Amino acid sequence: MATVMQISVGETQEDFADFILMAWGFWFRRNKMIHELVNLPPMQVMDFFFSKKGMQSAGLQIQGPSKSVIYRWSPPPTNWFKLNCDGALFFNHNKTGIGAILRDSHGFVLMALSRGEEEFLEPEIVEATAVLRGLQFCLNIGIQKLEIESDCKHLVEEVNNEAASYTSIRTIITEIRRLM
């Protein structure tokens, strides 16, 4: 408890929030091991932390139930389409899910897809897979003028960076870039 008090007094509010989020992640891992005999890799906990941290730095806040934030969808240019992609981790079920929604420049929904995925451990892999699957689907139906959105800041930076990617998602990044 003294360590928590020292961190809360000696550091910024953001540092304290990071500490609490990371501590929660390792507590969650511990409970999965003890109560469900599921051994989550420590890297998965760290990836969860960094994905939440990335969401915060991208302007997406982790909100409690008493706060509400409204995010507005912005349309793509005329005659273009926008693909919004997202990934989700269901730690209690050891599963992940991906989803995507395609809209035209008027906001009309042209298609939505979702799929359960079971072999992914890292949040960024799930997010990158959502983008890849959505992009593949759009190309298969002939859509080429496409804007893609994701709430995973690191993924967006990696896709937009022309340098070689050396992250755990480099193979998926390479395929996304090739298809774009």
Protein backbone atom coordinates (compact mmCIF):
# COMPACT_ATOMS: atom_id res chain seq x y z
CA MET A 1 0.00 0.00 0.00
CA ALA A 2 2.90 2.35 0.70
CA THR A 3 4.08 1.92 -2.89
CA VAL A 4 0.65 2.88 -4.21
CA MET A 5 0.57 5.93 -1.94
CA GLN A 6 4.08 6.93 -3.03
CA ILE A 7 3.11 6.63 -6.70
CA SER A 8 -0.11 8.57 -6.17
CA VAL A 9 1.69 11.41 -4.38
CA GLY A 10 4.96 11.53 -6.30
CA GLU A 11 3.82 11.12 -9.91
CA THR A 12 1.27 12.59 -12.28
CA GLN A 13 -2.34 11.48 -12.39
CA GLU A 14 -1.63 9.76 -15.71
CA ASP A 15 1.26 7.76 -14.19
CA PHE A 16 -0.98 6.69 -11.34
CA ALA A 17 -3.72 5.62 -13.77
CA ASP A 18 -1.12 3.61 -15.75
CA PHE A 19 0.01 1.90 -12.56
CA ILE A 20 -3.55 0.98 -11.58
CA LEU A 21 -4.37 -0.33 -15.06
CA MET A 22 -1.23 -2.46 -15.17
CA ALA A 23 -1.78 -3.76 -11.63
CA TRP A 24 -5.35 -4.68 -12.55
CA GLY A 25 -4.06 -6.59 -15.59
CA PHE A 26 -1.69 -8.70 -13.50
CA TRP A 27 -4.35 -9.23 -10.82
CA PHE A 28 -6.72 -10.43 -13.56
CA ARG A 29 -3.98 -12.81 -14.83
CA ARG A 30 -3.43 -14.14 -11.32
CA ASN A 31 -7.15 -14.78 -10.82
CA LYS A 32 -7.42 -16.58 -14.18
CA MET A 33 -4.57 -18.87 -13.08
CA ILE A 34 -5.93 -19.59 -9.62
CA HIS A 35 -9.65 -19.88 -10.32
CA GLU A 36 -9.82 -21.12 -13.91
CA LEU A 37 -6.40 -22.77 -14.38
CA VAL A 38 -5.85 -20.52 -17.41
CA ASN A 39 -2.31 -19.24 -17.78
CA LEU A 40 -2.37 -15.97 -19.70
CA PRO A 41 1.07 -15.01 -21.02
CA PRO A 42 2.45 -11.91 -19.24
CA MET A 43 2.94 -10.32 -22.65
CA GLN A 44 -0.81 -10.54 -23.23
CA VAL A 45 -1.37 -8.48 -20.09
CA MET A 46 1.18 -5.92 -21.25
CA ASP A 47 -0.38 -5.79 -24.72
CA PHE A 48 -3.78 -5.19 -23.12
CA PHE A 49 -2.25 -2.33 -21.10
CA PHE A 50 -0.60 -0.75 -24.14
CA SER A 51 -3.77 -1.08 -26.24
CA LYS A 52 -5.74 0.77 -23.54
CA LYS A 53 -2.93 3.29 -23.22
CA GLY A 54 -2.99 3.77 -27.00
CA MET A 55 -6.74 4.32 -26.90
CA GLN A 56 -6.26 7.03 -24.29
CA SER A 57 -3.53 8.81 -26.24
CA ALA A 58 -5.67 8.63 -29.38
CA GLY A 59 -8.36 10.56 -27.55
CA LEU A 60 -10.54 7.60 -26.67
CA GLN A 61 -11.06 7.62 -22.95
CA ILE A 62 -11.71 4.61 -20.78
CA GLN A 63 -14.90 5.78 -19.15
CA GLY A 64 -16.69 4.80 -16.01
CA PRO A 65 -20.44 4.27 -16.05
CA SER A 66 -21.20 7.81 -14.86
CA LYS A 67 -19.55 9.56 -17.81
CA SER A 68 -20.73 9.62 -21.38
CA VAL A 69 -18.74 10.76 -24.37
CA ILE A 70 -20.17 11.14 -27.83
CA TYR A 71 -17.98 10.39 -30.81
CA ARG A 72 -19.25 11.40 -34.22
CA TRP A 73 -18.62 9.43 -37.35
CA SER A 74 -17.17 11.57 -40.12
CA PRO A 75 -17.98 10.64 -43.71
CA PRO A 76 -15.37 9.91 -46.37
CA PRO A 77 -15.11 12.14 -49.47
CA THR A 78 -17.88 11.89 -52.07
CA ASN A 79 -17.78 8.60 -54.02
CA TRP A 80 -15.52 7.04 -51.39
CA PHE A 81 -16.32 4.50 -48.70
CA LYS A 82 -15.27 4.25 -45.07
CA LEU A 83 -14.47 0.98 -43.34
CA ASN A 84 -14.53 1.12 -39.54
CA CYS A 85 -12.84 -1.90 -37.95
CA ASP A 86 -12.50 -3.06 -34.38
CA GLY A 87 -11.31 -6.04 -32.40
CA ALA A 88 -12.48 -7.26 -29.02
CA LEU A 89 -10.97 -9.56 -26.42
CA PHE A 90 -13.18 -11.71 -24.22
CA PHE A 91 -10.73 -12.79 -21.54
CA ASN A 92 -13.35 -14.77 -19.61
CA HIS A 93 -13.92 -17.01 -22.63
CA ASN A 94 -10.38 -16.98 -24.08
CA LYS A 95 -11.82 -15.75 -27.37
CA THR A 96 -11.61 -12.69 -29.52
CA GLY A 97 -13.90 -11.10 -32.04
CA ILE A 98 -13.47 -8.82 -35.00
CA GLY A 99 -15.95 -6.55 -36.67
CA ALA A 100 -16.18 -4.07 -39.50
CA ILE A 101 -18.80 -1.78 -40.95
CA LEU A 102 -18.71 -0.22 -44.41
CA ARG A 103 -20.52 3.05 -45.14
CA ASP A 104 -20.76 5.31 -48.15
CA SER A 105 -20.16 9.07 -48.13
CA HIS A 106 -23.77 9.66 -47.01
CA GLY A 107 -23.38 7.37 -43.99
CA PHE A 108 -25.51 4.61 -45.49
CA VAL A 109 -24.44 1.20 -44.16
CA LEU A 110 -23.52 -1.08 -47.05
CA MET A 111 -22.35 -4.05 -45.03
CA ALA A 112 -21.34 -5.12 -41.57
CA LEU A 113 -19.40 -8.19 -40.60
CA SER A 114 -18.31 -9.87 -37.42
CA ARG A 115 -16.44 -13.04 -36.73
CA GLY A 116 -15.14 -14.90 -33.75
CA GLU A 117 -11.42 -15.61 -33.74
CA GLU A 118 -9.80 -17.99 -31.29
CA GLU A 119 -6.08 -18.12 -31.98
CA PHE A 120 -5.04 -14.60 -31.07
CA LEU A 121 -3.32 -13.59 -27.86
CA GLU A 122 -2.36 -9.96 -28.37
CA PRO A 123 -4.88 -7.11 -28.69
CA GLU A 124 -2.95 -5.55 -31.58
CA ILE A 125 -3.14 -8.81 -33.53
CA VAL A 126 -6.92 -8.81 -33.09
CA GLU A 127 -7.18 -5.16 -34.19
CA ALA A 128 -4.90 -5.75 -37.20
CA THR A 129 -6.86 -8.86 -38.17
CA ALA A 130 -10.10 -6.85 -38.09
CA VAL A 131 -8.60 -4.34 -40.54
CA LEU A 132 -7.18 -7.07 -42.77
CA ARG A 133 -10.44 -9.06 -42.93
CA GLY A 134 -12.50 -5.92 -43.59
CA LEU A 135 -10.09 -4.78 -46.31
CA GLN A 136 -10.10 -8.22 -47.95
CA PHE A 137 -13.89 -8.26 -47.97
CA CYS A 138 -14.10 -4.78 -49.54
CA LEU A 139 -11.61 -5.66 -52.26
CA ASN A 140 -13.46 -8.91 -53.01
CA ILE A 141 -16.65 -6.96 -53.74
CA GLY A 142 -14.82 -4.41 -55.88
CA ILE A 143 -14.51 -1.44 -53.53
CA GLN A 144 -11.28 0.46 -54.11
CA LYS A 145 -11.83 4.07 -52.97
CA LEU A 146 -11.63 3.26 -49.30
CA GLU A 147 -10.76 5.01 -46.05
CA ILE A 148 -10.06 2.71 -43.12
CA GLU A 149 -10.47 3.63 -39.45
CA SER A 150 -9.29 1.82 -36.35
CA ASP A 151 -9.10 2.88 -32.71
CA CYS A 152 -5.72 1.15 -32.33
CA LYS A 153 -3.28 4.05 -32.58
CA HIS A 154 -0.18 1.86 -32.87
CA LEU A 155 -1.72 -0.14 -35.72
CA VAL A 156 -2.63 3.04 -37.63
CA GLU A 157 0.90 4.40 -37.14
CA GLU A 158 2.48 1.14 -38.33
CA VAL A 159 0.29 0.92 -41.44
CA ASN A 160 1.00 4.56 -42.35
CA ASN A 161 4.74 4.31 -41.66
CA GLU A 162 6.61 3.36 -44.81
CA ALA A 163 9.51 1.82 -42.89
CA ALA A 164 9.63 -1.90 -42.24
CA SER A 165 7.56 -2.95 -39.26
CA TYR A 166 9.30 -4.88 -36.49
CA THR A 167 6.30 -5.40 -34.24
CA SER A 168 4.43 -8.60 -33.46
CA ILE A 169 1.91 -7.62 -36.15
CA ARG A 170 4.47 -7.09 -38.92
CA THR A 171 3.13 -9.91 -41.12
CA ILE A 172 -0.41 -8.54 -40.96
CA ILE A 173 0.87 -4.97 -41.50
CA THR A 174 2.74 -6.12 -44.61
CA GLU A 175 -0.41 -7.74 -46.00
CA ILE A 176 -2.57 -4.67 -45.25
CA ARG A 177 -0.05 -2.43 -46.99
CA ARG A 178 0.08 -4.77 -49.98
CA LEU A 179 -3.70 -4.70 -50.36
CA MET A 180 -3.94 -0.94 -49.98
